[in-house]
Amino acid sequence: MDVREALYTTRMMRRMHPDAIPLEVQARILDAAIRAPNGGNTQRWHFLTVDNPDTNAELAPIYRRCRQKEYEDMAAGTFAVPLENPEGHAATMRQTTKSADFLVKHFTEIPLLLFVFAIDDHGGANIYPAIWSTLLAARVEGVAA
């Protein structure tokens, strides 16, 4: 895949195929992540992969509760990032909610969860290139949109 195509067309997706992702593919994705640029060349990050359906089943209720809390906060107007114009974003929010609800219902079918942990004195900015590299690598491997 051309670099520009990957850059211009990679999207966040909540609907995916449940096919297992081979360990070799996971390793290549993580290899791209750990080679990302970061401030001070410190690599103060850790990655945790979960590809076990039983573990996903244990995590699903936690994810479900978090989504519910987010919806409650949005309804109460206490969402962490208040929208400047909620009416103007209504259609987008409906689509996002629909997509997120689909993910809640199908959480146990996700073939690979990747958790990213960072020790960052700059508000998280140093981990962003590694996450973006992960998304691009997954796209090139054919396991992301």
N, C-alpha and C. Protein backbone atom coordinates (compact mmCIF):
# COMPACT_ATOMS: atom_id res chain seq x y z
N MET A 1 0.85 -1.18 0.00
CA MET A 1 0.00 0.00 0.00
C MET A 1 0.89 1.24 0.00
N ASP A 2 0.56 2.20 -0.82
CA ASP A 2 1.27 3.46 -0.89
C ASP A 2 1.11 4.21 0.44
N VAL A 3 2.17 4.89 0.87
CA VAL A 3 2.15 5.62 2.13
C VAL A 3 1.02 6.66 2.14
N ARG A 4 0.89 7.40 1.07
CA ARG A 4 -0.16 8.42 1.03
C ARG A 4 -1.56 7.80 1.12
N GLU A 5 -1.75 6.68 0.47
CA GLU A 5 -3.05 6.01 0.56
C GLU A 5 -3.34 5.64 2.01
N ALA A 6 -2.35 5.08 2.69
CA ALA A 6 -2.54 4.72 4.10
C ALA A 6 -2.83 5.95 4.95
N LEU A 7 -2.07 7.01 4.73
CA LEU A 7 -2.26 8.24 5.51
C LEU A 7 -3.63 8.86 5.27
N TYR A 8 -4.08 8.86 4.04
CA TYR A 8 -5.31 9.56 3.68
C TYR A 8 -6.57 8.74 3.91
N THR A 9 -6.45 7.44 4.04
CA THR A 9 -7.66 6.61 4.09
C THR A 9 -7.82 5.80 5.37
N THR A 10 -6.86 5.84 6.28
CA THR A 10 -6.99 5.08 7.53
C THR A 10 -8.07 5.73 8.40
N ARG A 11 -8.99 4.94 8.87
CA ARG A 11 -10.12 5.42 9.67
C ARG A 11 -10.24 4.62 10.96
N MET A 12 -10.94 5.19 11.92
CA MET A 12 -11.26 4.45 13.14
C MET A 12 -12.48 3.59 12.82
N MET A 13 -12.38 2.32 13.12
CA MET A 13 -13.47 1.41 12.81
C MET A 13 -13.88 0.65 14.07
N ARG A 14 -15.17 0.47 14.23
CA ARG A 14 -15.67 -0.31 15.36
C ARG A 14 -16.33 -1.60 14.89
N ARG A 15 -16.31 -1.82 13.60
CA ARG A 15 -16.83 -3.07 13.04
C ARG A 15 -15.66 -3.77 12.38
N MET A 16 -15.47 -5.02 12.74
CA MET A 16 -14.30 -5.73 12.22
C MET A 16 -14.60 -7.20 12.03
N HIS A 17 -13.74 -7.85 11.28
CA HIS A 17 -13.85 -9.29 11.12
C HIS A 17 -13.33 -9.96 12.38
N PRO A 18 -13.96 -11.03 12.83
CA PRO A 18 -13.51 -11.70 14.05
C PRO A 18 -12.34 -12.66 13.84
N ASP A 19 -11.77 -12.68 12.63
CA ASP A 19 -10.68 -13.62 12.34
C ASP A 19 -9.47 -13.34 13.23
N ALA A 20 -8.88 -14.42 13.73
CA ALA A 20 -7.68 -14.29 14.57
C ALA A 20 -6.56 -13.60 13.79
N ILE A 21 -5.77 -12.83 14.50
CA ILE A 21 -4.63 -12.14 13.89
C ILE A 21 -3.38 -12.91 14.30
N PRO A 22 -2.68 -13.51 13.35
CA PRO A 22 -1.51 -14.34 13.67
C PRO A 22 -0.46 -13.57 14.48
N LEU A 23 0.26 -14.29 15.33
CA LEU A 23 1.27 -13.67 16.18
C LEU A 23 2.33 -12.95 15.36
N GLU A 24 2.68 -13.48 14.18
CA GLU A 24 3.69 -12.82 13.35
C GLU A 24 3.20 -11.44 12.91
N VAL A 25 1.92 -11.34 12.61
CA VAL A 25 1.35 -10.06 12.20
C VAL A 25 1.32 -9.11 13.39
N GLN A 26 0.92 -9.62 14.55
CA GLN A 26 0.93 -8.79 15.76
C GLN A 26 2.33 -8.26 16.02
N ALA A 27 3.33 -9.12 15.86
CA ALA A 27 4.72 -8.72 16.10
C ALA A 27 5.16 -7.62 15.14
N ARG A 28 4.77 -7.72 13.89
CA ARG A 28 5.15 -6.69 12.91
C ARG A 28 4.47 -5.36 13.23
N ILE A 29 3.24 -5.42 13.67
CA ILE A 29 2.52 -4.20 14.05
C ILE A 29 3.21 -3.53 15.23
N LEU A 30 3.53 -4.32 16.25
CA LEU A 30 4.21 -3.76 17.42
C LEU A 30 5.61 -3.28 17.09
N ASP A 31 6.28 -3.96 16.17
CA ASP A 31 7.61 -3.54 15.76
C ASP A 31 7.56 -2.14 15.15
N ALA A 32 6.53 -1.87 14.37
CA ALA A 32 6.37 -0.53 13.81
C ALA A 32 6.12 0.49 14.92
N ALA A 33 5.34 0.10 15.91
CA ALA A 33 5.02 1.02 17.01
C ALA A 33 6.26 1.42 17.79
N ILE A 34 7.11 0.45 18.11
CA ILE A 34 8.27 0.77 18.96
C ILE A 34 9.35 1.54 18.21
N ARG A 35 9.24 1.65 16.91
CA ARG A 35 10.20 2.42 16.12
C ARG A 35 9.74 3.86 15.87
N ALA A 36 8.61 4.21 16.42
CA ALA A 36 8.07 5.56 16.22
C ALA A 36 8.94 6.60 16.93
N PRO A 37 8.97 7.81 16.40
CA PRO A 37 9.73 8.87 17.07
C PRO A 37 9.06 9.25 18.39
N ASN A 38 9.89 9.68 19.34
CA ASN A 38 9.35 10.16 20.61
C ASN A 38 10.36 11.10 21.24
N GLY A 39 9.85 12.00 22.05
CA GLY A 39 10.69 13.01 22.67
C GLY A 39 11.78 12.42 23.54
N GLY A 40 13.01 12.85 23.31
CA GLY A 40 14.13 12.40 24.11
C GLY A 40 14.57 10.99 23.83
N ASN A 41 13.96 10.34 22.85
CA ASN A 41 14.29 8.96 22.51
C ASN A 41 14.23 8.05 23.74
N THR A 42 13.19 8.24 24.54
CA THR A 42 13.09 7.52 25.82
C THR A 42 12.27 6.25 25.77
N GLN A 43 11.37 6.12 24.81
CA GLN A 43 10.50 4.94 24.69
C GLN A 43 9.87 4.55 26.03
N ARG A 44 9.25 5.49 26.67
CA ARG A 44 8.63 5.22 27.97
C ARG A 44 7.20 4.72 27.76
N TRP A 45 7.11 3.57 27.10
CA TRP A 45 5.81 3.01 26.77
C TRP A 45 5.83 1.50 26.92
N HIS A 46 4.65 0.96 27.05
CA HIS A 46 4.45 -0.49 27.11
C HIS A 46 3.19 -0.80 26.31
N PHE A 47 3.19 -1.97 25.69
CA PHE A 47 2.05 -2.42 24.91
C PHE A 47 1.60 -3.76 25.46
N LEU A 48 0.31 -3.95 25.54
CA LEU A 48 -0.27 -5.21 26.00
C LEU A 48 -1.29 -5.65 24.95
N THR A 49 -1.10 -6.85 24.43
CA THR A 49 -2.06 -7.38 23.46
C THR A 49 -2.93 -8.43 24.14
N VAL A 50 -4.18 -8.45 23.76
CA VAL A 50 -5.13 -9.44 24.25
C VAL A 50 -5.82 -10.03 23.03
N ASP A 51 -5.60 -11.32 22.81
CA ASP A 51 -6.24 -11.99 21.67
C ASP A 51 -6.97 -13.25 22.11
N ASN A 52 -7.31 -13.30 23.38
CA ASN A 52 -8.00 -14.46 23.95
C ASN A 52 -9.48 -14.11 24.15
N PRO A 53 -10.39 -14.81 23.49
CA PRO A 53 -11.82 -14.50 23.63
C PRO A 53 -12.32 -14.56 25.08
N ASP A 54 -11.75 -15.45 25.89
CA ASP A 54 -12.17 -15.53 27.29
C ASP A 54 -11.81 -14.26 28.05
N THR A 55 -10.63 -13.72 27.76
CA THR A 55 -10.22 -12.47 28.40
C THR A 55 -11.10 -11.32 27.90
N ASN A 56 -11.40 -11.31 26.61
CA ASN A 56 -12.31 -10.30 26.08
C ASN A 56 -13.66 -10.36 26.81
N ALA A 57 -14.13 -11.57 27.07
CA ALA A 57 -15.41 -11.73 27.76
C ALA A 57 -15.36 -11.13 29.17
N GLU A 58 -14.20 -11.22 29.81
CA GLU A 58 -14.05 -10.62 31.14
C GLU A 58 -13.97 -9.10 31.06
N LEU A 59 -13.40 -8.58 29.99
CA LEU A 59 -13.26 -7.14 29.82
C LEU A 59 -14.54 -6.48 29.30
N ALA A 60 -15.38 -7.22 28.63
CA ALA A 60 -16.59 -6.66 28.01
C ALA A 60 -17.48 -5.90 28.99
N PRO A 61 -17.78 -6.44 30.19
CA PRO A 61 -18.64 -5.68 31.11
C PRO A 61 -18.01 -4.36 31.56
N ILE A 62 -16.70 -4.34 31.67
CA ILE A 62 -16.01 -3.10 32.05
C ILE A 62 -16.19 -2.06 30.95
N TYR A 63 -15.97 -2.49 29.72
CA TYR A 63 -16.14 -1.58 28.58
C TYR A 63 -17.58 -1.08 28.52
N ARG A 64 -18.51 -1.98 28.72
CA ARG A 64 -19.94 -1.63 28.67
C ARG A 64 -20.26 -0.56 29.74
N ARG A 65 -19.74 -0.75 30.95
CA ARG A 65 -19.98 0.23 32.02
C ARG A 65 -19.36 1.59 31.68
N CYS A 66 -18.18 1.57 31.10
CA CYS A 66 -17.52 2.83 30.72
C CYS A 66 -18.32 3.58 29.65
N ARG A 67 -18.82 2.85 28.67
CA ARG A 67 -19.65 3.49 27.63
C ARG A 67 -20.91 4.08 28.26
N GLN A 68 -21.53 3.33 29.17
CA GLN A 68 -22.75 3.82 29.82
C GLN A 68 -22.46 5.09 30.61
N LYS A 69 -21.33 5.11 31.31
CA LYS A 69 -20.95 6.31 32.07
C LYS A 69 -20.73 7.49 31.13
N GLU A 70 -20.10 7.23 30.00
CA GLU A 70 -19.87 8.30 29.01
C GLU A 70 -21.21 8.85 28.51
N TYR A 71 -22.16 7.97 28.21
CA TYR A 71 -23.48 8.43 27.75
C TYR A 71 -24.18 9.25 28.84
N GLU A 72 -24.08 8.79 30.08
CA GLU A 72 -24.70 9.53 31.18
C GLU A 72 -24.08 10.91 31.33
N ASP A 73 -22.76 10.98 31.22
CA ASP A 73 -22.07 12.28 31.31
C ASP A 73 -22.47 13.20 30.17
N MET A 74 -22.60 12.64 28.98
CA MET A 74 -23.02 13.45 27.83
C MET A 74 -24.43 13.99 28.05
N ALA A 75 -25.32 13.14 28.54
CA ALA A 75 -26.71 13.56 28.77
C ALA A 75 -26.79 14.63 29.86
N ALA A 76 -25.90 14.54 30.85
CA ALA A 76 -25.90 15.50 31.95
C ALA A 76 -25.12 16.77 31.62
N GLY A 77 -24.47 16.78 30.46
CA GLY A 77 -23.68 17.94 30.09
C GLY A 77 -22.34 18.01 30.79
N THR A 78 -21.90 16.89 31.36
CA THR A 78 -20.63 16.87 32.09
C THR A 78 -19.57 16.05 31.37
N PHE A 79 -19.76 15.84 30.08
CA PHE A 79 -18.79 15.08 29.28
C PHE A 79 -17.44 15.76 29.38
N ALA A 80 -16.38 14.97 29.42
CA ALA A 80 -15.03 15.50 29.63
C ALA A 80 -14.65 16.59 28.62
N VAL A 81 -15.13 16.48 27.40
CA VAL A 81 -14.84 17.48 26.37
C VAL A 81 -16.18 18.04 25.88
N PRO A 82 -16.67 19.10 26.52
CA PRO A 82 -17.97 19.62 26.10
C PRO A 82 -17.95 20.11 24.66
N LEU A 83 -19.01 19.84 23.97
CA LEU A 83 -19.14 20.28 22.58
C LEU A 83 -19.56 21.74 22.55
N GLU A 84 -18.98 22.51 21.64
CA GLU A 84 -19.34 23.92 21.51
C GLU A 84 -20.76 24.09 21.00
N ASN A 85 -21.17 23.19 20.11
CA ASN A 85 -22.48 23.31 19.49
C ASN A 85 -23.11 21.92 19.42
N PRO A 86 -23.69 21.43 20.51
CA PRO A 86 -24.25 20.07 20.52
C PRO A 86 -25.28 19.82 19.43
N GLU A 87 -26.10 20.83 19.11
CA GLU A 87 -27.11 20.64 18.06
C GLU A 87 -26.45 20.41 16.70
N GLY A 88 -25.38 21.11 16.44
CA GLY A 88 -24.69 20.97 15.17
C GLY A 88 -24.00 19.63 15.00
N HIS A 89 -23.73 18.99 16.12
CA HIS A 89 -23.05 17.70 16.08
C HIS A 89 -24.00 16.53 16.30
N ALA A 90 -25.28 16.79 16.33
CA ALA A 90 -26.26 15.76 16.67
C ALA A 90 -26.19 14.56 15.74
N ALA A 91 -26.13 14.79 14.44
CA ALA A 91 -26.09 13.67 13.48
C ALA A 91 -24.81 12.85 13.65
N THR A 92 -23.71 13.55 13.83
CA THR A 92 -22.43 12.85 14.04
C THR A 92 -22.48 12.04 15.32
N MET A 93 -23.02 12.62 16.37
CA MET A 93 -23.09 11.92 17.65
C MET A 93 -24.01 10.69 17.55
N ARG A 94 -25.11 10.80 16.81
CA ARG A 94 -25.99 9.64 16.64
C ARG A 94 -25.24 8.51 15.94
N GLN A 95 -24.49 8.84 14.90
CA GLN A 95 -23.74 7.82 14.16
C GLN A 95 -22.64 7.22 15.04
N THR A 96 -21.95 8.06 15.80
CA THR A 96 -20.90 7.57 16.69
C THR A 96 -21.49 6.66 17.75
N THR A 97 -22.62 7.06 18.31
CA THR A 97 -23.28 6.25 19.34
C THR A 97 -23.71 4.91 18.76
N LYS A 98 -24.27 4.93 17.58
CA LYS A 98 -24.69 3.68 16.92
C LYS A 98 -23.49 2.75 16.74
N SER A 99 -22.40 3.31 16.27
CA SER A 99 -21.19 2.52 16.05
C SER A 99 -20.63 1.99 17.37
N ALA A 100 -20.61 2.84 18.39
CA ALA A 100 -20.11 2.43 19.70
C ALA A 100 -20.99 1.35 20.31
N ASP A 101 -22.30 1.48 20.15
CA ASP A 101 -23.21 0.45 20.66
C ASP A 101 -22.97 -0.89 19.97
N PHE A 102 -22.68 -0.85 18.68
CA PHE A 102 -22.36 -2.08 17.96
C PHE A 102 -21.12 -2.73 18.58
N LEU A 103 -20.11 -1.93 18.87
CA LEU A 103 -18.89 -2.47 19.46
C LEU A 103 -19.17 -3.08 20.84
N VAL A 104 -20.01 -2.44 21.63
CA VAL A 104 -20.36 -2.98 22.94
C VAL A 104 -20.98 -4.37 22.78
N LYS A 105 -21.89 -4.51 21.83
CA LYS A 105 -22.58 -5.78 21.63
C LYS A 105 -21.67 -6.87 21.08
N HIS A 106 -20.62 -6.48 20.37
CA HIS A 106 -19.74 -7.46 19.72
C HIS A 106 -18.32 -7.45 20.29
N PHE A 107 -18.17 -6.93 21.49
CA PHE A 107 -16.84 -6.77 22.09
C PHE A 107 -16.07 -8.09 22.16
N THR A 108 -16.76 -9.17 22.48
CA THR A 108 -16.07 -10.46 22.63
C THR A 108 -15.57 -11.01 21.30
N GLU A 109 -16.01 -10.44 20.20
CA GLU A 109 -15.58 -10.90 18.88
C GLU A 109 -14.34 -10.16 18.37
N ILE A 110 -13.88 -9.16 19.09
CA ILE A 110 -12.72 -8.39 18.65
C ILE A 110 -11.51 -9.32 18.65
N PRO A 111 -10.82 -9.44 17.52
CA PRO A 111 -9.72 -10.41 17.44
C PRO A 111 -8.46 -10.00 18.18
N LEU A 112 -8.26 -8.70 18.38
CA LEU A 112 -7.05 -8.24 19.07
C LEU A 112 -7.33 -6.91 19.74
N LEU A 113 -7.11 -6.89 21.04
CA LEU A 113 -7.15 -5.63 21.78
C LEU A 113 -5.71 -5.22 22.03
N LEU A 114 -5.40 -3.97 21.82
CA LEU A 114 -4.06 -3.47 22.07
C LEU A 114 -4.17 -2.32 23.06
N PHE A 115 -3.59 -2.53 24.23
CA PHE A 115 -3.57 -1.49 25.25
C PHE A 115 -2.21 -0.82 25.22
N VAL A 116 -2.22 0.50 25.28
CA VAL A 116 -0.99 1.27 25.22
C VAL A 116 -0.85 2.03 26.54
N PHE A 117 0.30 1.86 27.18
CA PHE A 117 0.59 2.53 28.43
C PHE A 117 1.82 3.41 28.23
N ALA A 118 1.77 4.63 28.76
CA ALA A 118 2.90 5.53 28.58
C ALA A 118 3.16 6.31 29.86
N ILE A 119 4.43 6.49 30.15
CA ILE A 119 4.86 7.41 31.20
C ILE A 119 5.32 8.64 30.44
N ASP A 120 4.55 9.71 30.55
CA ASP A 120 4.83 10.86 29.70
C ASP A 120 4.62 12.14 30.48
N ASP A 121 5.66 12.93 30.55
CA ASP A 121 5.58 14.20 31.27
C ASP A 121 5.01 15.33 30.41
N HIS A 122 4.61 15.02 29.19
CA HIS A 122 4.13 16.04 28.26
C HIS A 122 2.67 15.81 27.88
N GLY A 123 1.88 15.33 28.81
CA GLY A 123 0.45 15.18 28.58
C GLY A 123 0.06 14.11 27.58
N GLY A 124 0.93 13.15 27.35
CA GLY A 124 0.61 12.05 26.46
C GLY A 124 1.10 12.22 25.04
N ALA A 125 1.62 13.38 24.71
CA ALA A 125 1.99 13.65 23.32
C ALA A 125 3.05 12.71 22.78
N ASN A 126 3.94 12.21 23.61
CA ASN A 126 5.01 11.35 23.12
C ASN A 126 4.53 10.00 22.63
N ILE A 127 3.36 9.55 23.05
CA ILE A 127 2.88 8.24 22.64
C ILE A 127 2.10 8.30 21.33
N TYR A 128 1.64 9.47 20.93
CA TYR A 128 0.81 9.57 19.74
C TYR A 128 1.47 9.02 18.48
N PRO A 129 2.75 9.32 18.20
CA PRO A 129 3.36 8.74 17.00
C PRO A 129 3.38 7.21 17.02
N ALA A 130 3.58 6.61 18.19
CA ALA A 130 3.60 5.14 18.28
C ALA A 130 2.21 4.58 18.00
N ILE A 131 1.18 5.23 18.50
CA ILE A 131 -0.18 4.77 18.24
C ILE A 131 -0.51 4.91 16.75
N TRP A 132 -0.13 6.03 16.16
CA TRP A 132 -0.39 6.24 14.74
C TRP A 132 0.38 5.21 13.91
N SER A 133 1.62 4.93 14.27
CA SER A 133 2.39 3.91 13.56
C SER A 133 1.71 2.55 13.68
N THR A 134 1.13 2.27 14.83
CA THR A 134 0.40 1.02 15.04
C THR A 134 -0.79 0.94 14.08
N LEU A 135 -1.55 2.02 13.99
CA LEU A 135 -2.71 2.03 13.10
C LEU A 135 -2.30 1.85 11.65
N LEU A 136 -1.25 2.54 11.24
CA LEU A 136 -0.79 2.40 9.85
C LEU A 136 -0.27 1.00 9.58
N ALA A 137 0.49 0.44 10.51
CA ALA A 137 1.02 -0.92 10.32
C ALA A 137 -0.12 -1.93 10.24
N ALA A 138 -1.12 -1.78 11.09
CA ALA A 138 -2.27 -2.68 11.04
C ALA A 138 -2.99 -2.55 9.71
N ARG A 139 -3.06 -1.34 9.21
CA ARG A 139 -3.70 -1.12 7.90
C ARG A 139 -2.93 -1.82 6.80
N VAL A 140 -1.61 -1.68 6.81
CA VAL A 140 -0.77 -2.32 5.80
C VAL A 140 -0.88 -3.84 5.88
N GLU A 141 -1.04 -4.36 7.10
CA GLU A 141 -1.17 -5.81 7.31
C GLU A 141 -2.56 -6.31 6.91
N GLY A 142 -3.47 -5.39 6.64
CA GLY A 142 -4.81 -5.80 6.23
C GLY A 142 -5.74 -6.14 7.37
N VAL A 143 -5.40 -5.69 8.59
CA VAL A 143 -6.25 -6.01 9.74
C VAL A 143 -6.91 -4.76 10.32
N ALA A 144 -6.82 -3.65 9.62
CA ALA A 144 -7.47 -2.42 10.06
C ALA A 144 -7.98 -1.68 8.84
N ALA A 145 -8.90 -0.77 9.08
CA ALA A 145 -9.51 -0.04 7.96
C ALA A 145 -8.67 1.15 7.56
